[in-house]
Amino acid sequence: MRVFKLISILFLALAVASCSMFRQKNNIETMPVAQLYKTAHNALKFGHYTEAEKDYTRLIARFPSGKYNQQSQVDLAYAQYKDSKPDDAYSTINRFIKTYPAHKHIDYAYYLRGLINFNRSNTFIGRIFGLDQSRRDQGYRLQSFDDFSQLTRRFPGSKYAPDARQRMIFLRNGLASFEINVAEFYLQRKMYVAAADRAKYVIEHYQRAPQAGDALAILARCYTSMGLDKLSAQTIKVLKLNYPDHPYLTDPDWPHFVGVLHRMIPFANHH
């Protein structure tokens, strides 16, 4: 008898919940804007990103202007970002930035756009299997760096600026690592002019990156291989001054191209 009563209570609870969900779904078309925003926000808060996307999209369509519409666009982009829909998220937040350049939360919009591109550059598969992301296409890294750069330049006092600057350092090092990988590729094939050009690019554009020492070493080796001894000596002098412990200074055959990988330290992905 007790078991039957428990089953009855369970079925009643499920029926009530189902009716509530049904009413809520129906009422989504008639909810006032504040209530609809709260419904969408709660879905986002509890990680129900697909439902949040639907609610925010409906709010934006039903209420095409006002503060709830504007905030919903930003929240929609974040929901899409968390729901692994980077193209949709980028399109949403980019449209918001262009439409509301003076919005009070525009700094966050730039930050979110940077995050979207940042995580597109660091793929899930790459993180799982420890693939060297500096050997992949760098387009999203460049976009992300530009997004964070705009944030820190336009809003240096933003609460998102410190994290953006740290990510810029990480991205800069990754971009420099990519150029070094290409330079090593050319050097291994004795394409010294091409290798030297890549090394020069790192020295000119990423001089604060740790890979700048490798760039100097590659450039010195290229000059030596091309018989440009004076330029090689000058480059080695700069290398000694800035990177006195670099392996090239004691091993002129560096790099040896055996398992040479310029891996990047994984960056914590957080909001």
C-alpha atoms as a PDB file:
ATOM      1  CA  MET A   1       0.000   0.000   0.000  1.00  0.00           C
ATOM      2  CA  ARG A   2       2.834   2.368   0.887  1.00  0.00           C
ATOM      3  CA  VAL A   3       4.621   1.583  -2.407  1.00  0.00           C
ATOM      4  CA  PHE A   4       1.436   2.316  -4.360  1.00  0.00           C
ATOM      5  CA  LYS A   5       1.087   5.663  -2.571  1.00  0.00           C
ATOM      6  CA  LEU A   6       4.692   6.591  -3.382  1.00  0.00           C
ATOM      7  CA  ILE A   7       4.161   5.722  -7.041  1.00  0.00           C
ATOM      8  CA  SER A   8       0.992   7.808  -7.123  1.00  0.00           C
ATOM      9  CA  ILE A   9       2.822  10.789  -5.594  1.00  0.00           C
ATOM     10  CA  LEU A  10       5.629  10.398  -8.126  1.00  0.00           C
ATOM     11  CA  PHE A  11       3.238  10.344 -11.082  1.00  0.00           C
ATOM     12  CA  LEU A  12       1.398  13.362  -9.688  1.00  0.00           C
ATOM     13  CA  ALA A  13       4.662  15.291  -9.316  1.00  0.00           C
ATOM     14  CA  LEU A  14       5.673  14.440 -12.877  1.00  0.00           C
ATOM     15  CA  ALA A  15       2.273  15.495 -14.151  1.00  0.00           C
ATOM     16  CA  VAL A  16       2.480  18.820 -12.339  1.00  0.00           C
ATOM     17  CA  ALA A  17       6.002  19.399 -13.656  1.00  0.00           C
ATOM     18  CA  SER A  18       4.907  18.539 -17.194  1.00  0.00           C
ATOM     19  CA  CYS A  19       1.946  20.899 -16.979  1.00  0.00           C
ATOM     20  CA  SER A  20       4.211  23.632 -15.628  1.00  0.00           C
ATOM     21  CA  MET A  21       6.683  23.150 -18.453  1.00  0.00           C
ATOM     22  CA  PHE A  22       3.863  23.103 -20.985  1.00  0.00           C
ATOM     23  CA  ARG A  23       2.395  26.337 -19.619  1.00  0.00           C
ATOM     24  CA  GLN A  24       5.814  27.958 -19.515  1.00  0.00           C
ATOM     25  CA  LYS A  25       6.457  26.959 -23.120  1.00  0.00           C
ATOM     26  CA  ASN A  26       3.121  28.362 -24.197  1.00  0.00           C
ATOM     27  CA  ASN A  27       3.527  31.526 -22.154  1.00  0.00           C
ATOM     28  CA  ILE A  28       6.883  32.286 -23.775  1.00  0.00           C
ATOM     29  CA  GLU A  29       4.924  34.053 -26.516  1.00  0.00           C
ATOM     30  CA  THR A  30       2.992  36.204 -24.096  1.00  0.00           C
ATOM     31  CA  MET A  31       5.470  36.735 -21.255  1.00  0.00           C
ATOM     32  CA  PRO A  32       6.340  40.373 -20.494  1.00  0.00           C
ATOM     33  CA  VAL A  33       9.897  41.251 -21.430  1.00  0.00           C
ATOM     34  CA  ALA A  34      11.298  41.263 -17.875  1.00  0.00           C
ATOM     35  CA  GLN A  35       9.916  37.805 -17.127  1.00  0.00           C
ATOM     36  CA  LEU A  36      11.091  36.420 -20.447  1.00  0.00           C
ATOM     37  CA  TYR A  37      14.587  37.788 -19.811  1.00  0.00           C
ATOM     38  CA  LYS A  38      14.590  36.205 -16.357  1.00  0.00           C
ATOM     39  CA  THR A  39      13.555  32.858 -17.837  1.00  0.00           C
ATOM     40  CA  ALA A  40      16.369  33.040 -20.393  1.00  0.00           C
ATOM     41  CA  HIS A  41      18.878  34.179 -17.782  1.00  0.00           C
ATOM     42  CA  ASN A  42      17.991  31.293 -15.464  1.00  0.00           C
ATOM     43  CA  ALA A  43      18.475  28.815 -18.301  1.00  0.00           C
ATOM     44  CA  LEU A  44      21.884  30.349 -18.995  1.00  0.00           C
ATOM     45  CA  LYS A  45      22.786  30.376 -15.299  1.00  0.00           C
ATOM     46  CA  PHE A  46      22.116  26.655 -14.915  1.00  0.00           C
ATOM     47  CA  GLY A  47      23.940  25.687 -18.102  1.00  0.00           C
ATOM     48  CA  HIS A  48      20.895  25.007 -20.274  1.00  0.00           C
ATOM     49  CA  TYR A  49      22.495  26.803 -23.179  1.00  0.00           C
ATOM     50  CA  THR A  50      20.235  25.564 -25.973  1.00  0.00           C
ATOM     51  CA  GLU A  51      17.123  26.641 -24.079  1.00  0.00           C
ATOM     52  CA  ALA A  52      18.735  29.961 -23.234  1.00  0.00           C
ATOM     53  CA  GLU A  53      19.508  30.543 -26.912  1.00  0.00           C
ATOM     54  CA  LYS A  54      15.882  29.909 -27.853  1.00  0.00           C
ATOM     55  CA  ASP A  55      14.568  32.238 -25.145  1.00  0.00           C
ATOM     56  CA  TYR A  56      17.003  35.057 -25.930  1.00  0.00           C
ATOM     57  CA  THR A  57      16.311  34.727 -29.646  1.00  0.00           C
ATOM     58  CA  ARG A  58      12.566  34.939 -29.026  1.00  0.00           C
ATOM     59  CA  LEU A  59      12.994  37.965 -26.743  1.00  0.00           C
ATOM     60  CA  ILE A  60      15.082  39.772 -29.347  1.00  0.00           C
ATOM     61  CA  ALA A  61      12.448  39.060 -31.996  1.00  0.00           C
ATOM     62  CA  ARG A  62       9.475  40.087 -29.828  1.00  0.00           C
ATOM     63  CA  PHE A  63      11.107  43.165 -28.318  1.00  0.00           C
ATOM     64  CA  PRO A  64      13.362  44.660 -31.023  1.00  0.00           C
ATOM     65  CA  SER A  65      14.548  47.583 -28.886  1.00  0.00           C
ATOM     66  CA  GLY A  66      15.312  48.537 -25.315  1.00  0.00           C
ATOM     67  CA  LYS A  67      17.785  47.490 -22.639  1.00  0.00           C
ATOM     68  CA  TYR A  68      16.547  43.901 -22.451  1.00  0.00           C
ATOM     69  CA  ASN A  69      17.046  43.469 -26.170  1.00  0.00           C
ATOM     70  CA  GLN A  70      20.610  44.785 -26.030  1.00  0.00           C
ATOM     71  CA  GLN A  71      21.610  42.707 -23.011  1.00  0.00           C
ATOM     72  CA  SER A  72      19.966  39.653 -24.572  1.00  0.00           C
ATOM     73  CA  GLN A  73      22.192  39.988 -27.635  1.00  0.00           C
ATOM     74  CA  VAL A  74      25.295  39.827 -25.448  1.00  0.00           C
ATOM     75  CA  ASP A  75      23.885  36.954 -23.393  1.00  0.00           C
ATOM     76  CA  LEU A  76      22.891  35.101 -26.559  1.00  0.00           C
ATOM     77  CA  ALA A  77      26.447  35.341 -27.862  1.00  0.00           C
ATOM     78  CA  TYR A  78      27.757  33.961 -24.573  1.00  0.00           C
ATOM     79  CA  ALA A  79      25.219  31.086 -24.630  1.00  0.00           C
ATOM     80  CA  GLN A  80      26.263  30.223 -28.187  1.00  0.00           C
ATOM     81  CA  TYR A  81      29.926  30.383 -27.175  1.00  0.00           C
ATOM     82  CA  LYS A  82      29.336  28.005 -24.259  1.00  0.00           C
ATOM     83  CA  ASP A  83      27.233  25.750 -26.496  1.00  0.00           C
ATOM     84  CA  SER A  84      30.237  25.268 -28.819  1.00  0.00           C
ATOM     85  CA  LYS A  85      28.785  27.366 -31.633  1.00  0.00           C
ATOM     86  CA  PRO A  86      31.683  29.766 -32.243  1.00  0.00           C
ATOM     87  CA  ASP A  87      30.543  30.951 -35.672  1.00  0.00           C
ATOM     88  CA  ASP A  88      27.087  31.893 -34.368  1.00  0.00           C
ATOM     89  CA  ALA A  89      28.576  33.464 -31.236  1.00  0.00           C
ATOM     90  CA  TYR A  90      31.070  35.518 -33.239  1.00  0.00           C
ATOM     91  CA  SER A  91      28.375  36.716 -35.634  1.00  0.00           C
ATOM     92  CA  THR A  92      26.086  37.729 -32.751  1.00  0.00           C
ATOM     93  CA  ILE A  93      28.679  39.636 -30.728  1.00  0.00           C
ATOM     94  CA  ASN A  94      30.254  41.237 -33.792  1.00  0.00           C
ATOM     95  CA  ARG A  95      26.862  42.564 -34.851  1.00  0.00           C
ATOM     96  CA  PHE A  96      26.333  43.926 -31.342  1.00  0.00           C
ATOM     97  CA  ILE A  97      29.701  45.735 -31.364  1.00  0.00           C
ATOM     98  CA  LYS A  98      28.933  47.371 -34.694  1.00  0.00           C
ATOM     99  CA  THR A  99      25.388  48.346 -33.673  1.00  0.00           C
ATOM    100  CA  TYR A 100      26.113  49.601 -30.143  1.00  0.00           C
ATOM    101  CA  PRO A 101      29.717  50.910 -30.112  1.00  0.00           C
ATOM    102  CA  ALA A 102      28.975  53.147 -27.107  1.00  0.00           C
ATOM    103  CA  HIS A 103      27.150  50.558 -24.995  1.00  0.00           C
ATOM    104  CA  LYS A 104      28.123  50.577 -21.315  1.00  0.00           C
ATOM    105  CA  HIS A 105      29.264  46.938 -21.545  1.00  0.00           C
ATOM    106  CA  ILE A 106      31.060  47.241 -24.873  1.00  0.00           C
ATOM    107  CA  ASP A 107      34.353  46.336 -23.169  1.00  0.00           C
ATOM    108  CA  TYR A 108      32.900  42.938 -22.278  1.00  0.00           C
ATOM    109  CA  ALA A 109      31.707  42.509 -25.871  1.00  0.00           C
ATOM    110  CA  TYR A 110      35.291  42.939 -27.126  1.00  0.00           C
ATOM    111  CA  TYR A 111      36.500  40.559 -24.436  1.00  0.00           C
ATOM    112  CA  LEU A 112      33.919  37.925 -25.390  1.00  0.00           C
ATOM    113  CA  ARG A 113      34.803  38.248 -29.067  1.00  0.00           C
ATOM    114  CA  GLY A 114      38.421  37.671 -28.125  1.00  0.00           C
ATOM    115  CA  LEU A 115      37.489  34.600 -26.097  1.00  0.00           C
ATOM    116  CA  ILE A 116      35.498  33.144 -28.971  1.00  0.00           C
ATOM    117  CA  ASN A 117      38.450  33.423 -31.338  1.00  0.00           C
ATOM    118  CA  PHE A 118      40.895  32.374 -28.624  1.00  0.00           C
ATOM    119  CA  ASN A 119      39.114  29.073 -28.127  1.00  0.00           C
ATOM    120  CA  ARG A 120      38.649  28.513 -31.842  1.00  0.00           C
ATOM    121  CA  SER A 121      42.443  28.689 -32.150  1.00  0.00           C
ATOM    122  CA  ASN A 122      42.922  26.128 -29.388  1.00  0.00           C
ATOM    123  CA  THR A 123      40.807  23.215 -30.595  1.00  0.00           C
ATOM    124  CA  PHE A 124      39.270  20.601 -28.320  1.00  0.00           C
ATOM    125  CA  ILE A 125      41.039  17.772 -30.174  1.00  0.00           C
ATOM    126  CA  GLY A 126      44.330  19.613 -29.881  1.00  0.00           C
ATOM    127  CA  ARG A 127      43.901  20.049 -26.117  1.00  0.00           C
ATOM    128  CA  ILE A 128      42.952  16.400 -25.590  1.00  0.00           C
ATOM    129  CA  PHE A 129      45.833  14.930 -27.579  1.00  0.00           C
ATOM    130  CA  GLY A 130      48.401  17.603 -26.746  1.00  0.00           C
ATOM    131  CA  LEU A 131      48.879  18.687 -30.357  1.00  0.00           C
ATOM    132  CA  ASP A 132      51.231  21.578 -30.984  1.00  0.00           C
ATOM    133  CA  GLN A 133      48.817  24.383 -31.824  1.00  0.00           C
ATOM    134  CA  SER A 134      51.666  26.574 -33.074  1.00  0.00           C
ATOM    135  CA  ARG A 135      51.900  24.311 -36.137  1.00  0.00           C
ATOM    136  CA  ARG A 136      48.306  24.968 -37.163  1.00  0.00           C
ATOM    137  CA  ASP A 137      46.693  27.862 -39.036  1.00  0.00           C
ATOM    138  CA  GLN A 138      47.126  31.059 -37.032  1.00  0.00           C
ATOM    139  CA  GLY A 139      44.192  33.068 -38.386  1.00  0.00           C
ATOM    140  CA  TYR A 140      42.049  32.822 -35.254  1.00  0.00           C
ATOM    141  CA  ARG A 141      45.036  33.589 -33.028  1.00  0.00           C
ATOM    142  CA  LEU A 142      45.647  36.789 -34.955  1.00  0.00           C
ATOM    143  CA  GLN A 143      41.964  37.746 -34.709  1.00  0.00           C
ATOM    144  CA  SER A 144      41.886  37.008 -31.006  1.00  0.00           C
ATOM    145  CA  PHE A 145      45.046  39.029 -30.408  1.00  0.00           C
ATOM    146  CA  ASP A 146      43.483  41.964 -32.276  1.00  0.00           C
ATOM    147  CA  ASP A 147      40.251  41.682 -30.245  1.00  0.00           C
ATOM    148  CA  PHE A 148      42.112  41.738 -26.930  1.00  0.00           C
ATOM    149  CA  SER A 149      44.390  44.486 -28.212  1.00  0.00           C
ATOM    150  CA  GLN A 150      41.383  46.693 -29.018  1.00  0.00           C
ATOM    151  CA  LEU A 151      39.970  46.037 -25.553  1.00  0.00           C
ATOM    152  CA  THR A 152      43.165  46.940 -23.704  1.00  0.00           C
ATOM    153  CA  ARG A 153      43.800  49.972 -25.905  1.00  0.00           C
ATOM    154  CA  ARG A 154      40.288  51.431 -25.751  1.00  0.00           C
ATOM    155  CA  PHE A 155      39.432  50.407 -22.196  1.00  0.00           C
ATOM    156  CA  PRO A 156      42.700  50.048 -20.257  1.00  0.00           C
ATOM    157  CA  GLY A 157      40.841  50.270 -16.957  1.00  0.00           C
ATOM    158  CA  SER A 158      38.317  47.555 -17.771  1.00  0.00           C
ATOM    159  CA  LYS A 159      38.102  44.662 -15.323  1.00  0.00           C
ATOM    160  CA  TYR A 160      38.591  42.339 -18.315  1.00  0.00           C
ATOM    161  CA  ALA A 161      41.832  44.040 -19.408  1.00  0.00           C
ATOM    162  CA  PRO A 162      44.241  42.128 -17.084  1.00  0.00           C
ATOM    163  CA  ASP A 163      43.080  38.745 -18.347  1.00  0.00           C
ATOM    164  CA  ALA A 164      43.106  40.031 -21.923  1.00  0.00           C
ATOM    165  CA  ARG A 165      46.741  41.130 -21.531  1.00  0.00           C
ATOM    166  CA  GLN A 166      47.751  37.700 -20.230  1.00  0.00           C
ATOM    167  CA  ARG A 167      46.041  36.053 -23.164  1.00  0.00           C
ATOM    168  CA  MET A 168      47.797  38.442 -25.537  1.00  0.00           C
ATOM    169  CA  ILE A 169      51.164  37.310 -24.168  1.00  0.00           C
ATOM    170  CA  PHE A 170      50.155  33.689 -24.675  1.00  0.00           C
ATOM    171  CA  LEU A 171      48.965  34.413 -28.209  1.00  0.00           C
ATOM    172  CA  ARG A 172      52.083  36.428 -29.041  1.00  0.00           C
ATOM    173  CA  ASN A 173      54.301  33.543 -27.968  1.00  0.00           C
ATOM    174  CA  GLY A 174      52.219  31.130 -30.023  1.00  0.00           C
ATOM    175  CA  LEU A 175      52.457  33.303 -33.119  1.00  0.00           C
ATOM    176  CA  ALA A 176      56.212  33.615 -32.629  1.00  0.00           C
ATOM    177  CA  SER A 177      56.462  29.856 -32.203  1.00  0.00           C
ATOM    178  CA  PHE A 178      54.617  29.344 -35.473  1.00  0.00           C
ATOM    179  CA  GLU A 179      57.129  31.541 -37.310  1.00  0.00           C
ATOM    180  CA  ILE A 180      60.053  29.669 -35.729  1.00  0.00           C
ATOM    181  CA  ASN A 181      58.556  26.339 -36.814  1.00  0.00           C
ATOM    182  CA  VAL A 182      58.349  27.627 -40.386  1.00  0.00           C
ATOM    183  CA  ALA A 183      61.888  29.013 -40.212  1.00  0.00           C
ATOM    184  CA  GLU A 184      63.171  25.626 -39.013  1.00  0.00           C
ATOM    185  CA  PHE A 185      61.307  23.953 -41.873  1.00  0.00           C
ATOM    186  CA  TYR A 186      63.112  26.159 -44.396  1.00  0.00           C
ATOM    187  CA  LEU A 187      66.437  25.836 -42.610  1.00  0.00           C
ATOM    188  CA  GLN A 188      66.230  22.045 -42.628  1.00  0.00           C
ATOM    189  CA  ARG A 189      65.784  22.197 -46.406  1.00  0.00           C
ATOM    190  CA  LYS A 190      68.668  24.671 -46.799  1.00  0.00           C
ATOM    191  CA  MET A 191      66.313  27.418 -47.973  1.00  0.00           C
ATOM    192  CA  TYR A 192      68.344  30.013 -46.099  1.00  0.00           C
ATOM    193  CA  VAL A 193      66.813  33.198 -47.483  1.00  0.00           C
ATOM    194  CA  ALA A 194      63.288  32.045 -46.601  1.00  0.00           C
ATOM    195  CA  ALA A 195      64.400  30.890 -43.149  1.00  0.00           C
ATOM    196  CA  ALA A 196      66.186  34.197 -42.513  1.00  0.00           C
ATOM    197  CA  ASP A 197      63.078  36.160 -43.527  1.00  0.00           C
ATOM    198  CA  ARG A 198      60.954  34.262 -41.003  1.00  0.00           C
ATOM    199  CA  ALA A 199      63.554  34.757 -38.286  1.00  0.00           C
ATOM    200  CA  LYS A 200      63.713  38.489 -39.016  1.00  0.00           C
ATOM    201  CA  TYR A 201      59.924  38.685 -38.768  1.00  0.00           C
ATOM    202  CA  VAL A 202      60.024  37.239 -35.248  1.00  0.00           C
ATOM    203  CA  ILE A 203      62.778  39.630 -34.194  1.00  0.00           C
ATOM    204  CA  GLU A 204      60.900  42.631 -35.581  1.00  0.00           C
ATOM    205  CA  HIS A 205      57.370  41.766 -34.437  1.00  0.00           C
ATOM    206  CA  TYR A 206      57.759  39.484 -31.399  1.00  0.00           C
ATOM    207  CA  GLN A 207      60.965  40.721 -29.793  1.00  0.00           C
ATOM    208  CA  ARG A 208      59.546  40.189 -26.291  1.00  0.00           C
ATOM    209  CA  ALA A 209      58.640  36.562 -26.979  1.00  0.00           C
ATOM    210  CA  PRO A 210      60.938  33.817 -25.662  1.00  0.00           C
ATOM    211  CA  GLN A 211      61.337  32.597 -29.250  1.00  0.00           C
ATOM    212  CA  ALA A 212      63.262  35.737 -30.187  1.00  0.00           C
ATOM    213  CA  GLY A 213      66.458  33.985 -29.077  1.00  0.00           C
ATOM    214  CA  ASP A 214      65.764  31.094 -31.446  1.00  0.00           C
ATOM    215  CA  ALA A 215      65.132  33.602 -34.219  1.00  0.00           C
ATOM    216  CA  LEU A 216      68.533  35.213 -33.684  1.00  0.00           C
ATOM    217  CA  ALA A 217      70.226  31.822 -33.676  1.00  0.00           C
ATOM    218  CA  ILE A 218      68.501  30.753 -36.899  1.00  0.00           C
ATOM    219  CA  LEU A 219      69.367  34.071 -38.514  1.00  0.00           C
ATOM    220  CA  ALA A 220      73.033  33.698 -37.521  1.00  0.00           C
ATOM    221  CA  ARG A 221      73.146  30.161 -38.914  1.00  0.00           C
ATOM    222  CA  CYS A 222      71.534  31.309 -42.169  1.00  0.00           C
ATOM    223  CA  TYR A 223      74.099  34.093 -42.552  1.00  0.00           C
ATOM    224  CA  THR A 224      76.936  31.648 -41.912  1.00  0.00           C
ATOM    225  CA  SER A 225      75.529  29.176 -44.445  1.00  0.00           C
ATOM    226  CA  MET A 226      75.241  31.954 -47.042  1.00  0.00           C
ATOM    227  CA  GLY A 227      78.818  33.104 -46.407  1.00  0.00           C
ATOM    228  CA  LEU A 228      77.766  36.380 -44.810  1.00  0.00           C
ATOM    229  CA  ASP A 229      80.248  36.107 -41.966  1.00  0.00           C
ATOM    230  CA  LYS A 230      80.113  39.762 -40.886  1.00  0.00           C
ATOM    231  CA  LEU A 231      76.332  39.695 -40.494  1.00  0.00           C
ATOM    232  CA  SER A 232      76.573  36.352 -38.733  1.00  0.00           C
ATOM    233  CA  ALA A 233      79.116  37.735 -36.228  1.00  0.00           C
ATOM    234  CA  GLN A 234      76.919  40.770 -35.534  1.00  0.00           C
ATOM    235  CA  THR A 235      73.889  38.571 -34.955  1.00  0.00           C
ATOM    236  CA  ILE A 236      75.796  36.230 -32.646  1.00  0.00           C
ATOM    237  CA  LYS A 237      76.958  39.257 -30.659  1.00  0.00           C
ATOM    238  CA  VAL A 238      73.321  40.310 -30.137  1.00  0.00           C
ATOM    239  CA  LEU A 239      72.395  36.729 -29.220  1.00  0.00           C
ATOM    240  CA  LYS A 240      75.172  36.542 -26.602  1.00  0.00           C
ATOM    241  CA  LEU A 241      74.113  39.845 -25.116  1.00  0.00           C
ATOM    242  CA  ASN A 242      70.421  38.947 -24.778  1.00  0.00           C
ATOM    243  CA  TYR A 243      70.443  35.136 -24.513  1.00  0.00           C
ATOM    244  CA  PRO A 244      73.853  34.115 -23.149  1.00  0.00           C
ATOM    245  CA  ASP A 245      72.683  30.549 -22.424  1.00  0.00           C
ATOM    246  CA  HIS A 246      71.215  29.805 -25.837  1.00  0.00           C
ATOM    247  CA  PRO A 247      72.336  26.352 -27.106  1.00  0.00           C
ATOM    248  CA  TYR A 248      73.452  27.740 -30.474  1.00  0.00           C
ATOM    249  CA  LEU A 249      76.351  29.515 -28.789  1.00  0.00           C
ATOM    250  CA  THR A 250      77.916  26.182 -27.817  1.00  0.00           C
ATOM    251  CA  ASP A 251      76.455  24.084 -30.637  1.00  0.00           C
ATOM    252  CA  PRO A 252      76.594  25.757 -34.084  1.00  0.00           C
ATOM    253  CA  ASP A 253      74.578  22.846 -35.554  1.00  0.00           C
ATOM    254  CA  TRP A 254      71.522  23.766 -33.468  1.00  0.00           C
ATOM    255  CA  PRO A 255      68.689  22.955 -34.148  1.00  0.00           C
ATOM    256  CA  HIS A 256      69.116  19.256 -34.951  1.00  0.00           C
ATOM    257  CA  PHE A 257      65.542  18.781 -36.190  1.00  0.00           C
ATOM    258  CA  VAL A 258      65.011  15.672 -34.087  1.00  0.00           C
ATOM    259  CA  GLY A 259      61.742  16.106 -32.262  1.00  0.00           C
ATOM    260  CA  VAL A 260      62.097  19.882 -32.231  1.00  0.00           C
ATOM    261  CA  LEU A 261      58.740  21.248 -31.061  1.00  0.00           C
ATOM    262  CA  HIS A 262      57.995  24.661 -29.658  1.00  0.00           C
ATOM    263  CA  ARG A 263      55.087  23.636 -27.478  1.00  0.00           C
ATOM    264  CA  MET A 264      52.864  26.166 -25.786  1.00  0.00           C
ATOM    265  CA  ILE A 265      51.796  26.097 -22.156  1.00  0.00           C
ATOM    266  CA  PRO A 266      48.039  25.392 -22.009  1.00  0.00           C
ATOM    267  CA  PHE A 267      46.081  28.478 -21.061  1.00  0.00           C
ATOM    268  CA  ALA A 268      43.209  28.068 -18.606  1.00  0.00           C
ATOM    269  CA  ASN A 269      39.894  28.529 -20.383  1.00  0.00           C
ATOM    270  CA  HIS A 270      37.572  30.501 -18.163  1.00  0.00           C
ATOM    271  CA  HIS A 271      34.933  33.152 -18.465  1.00  0.00           C
END
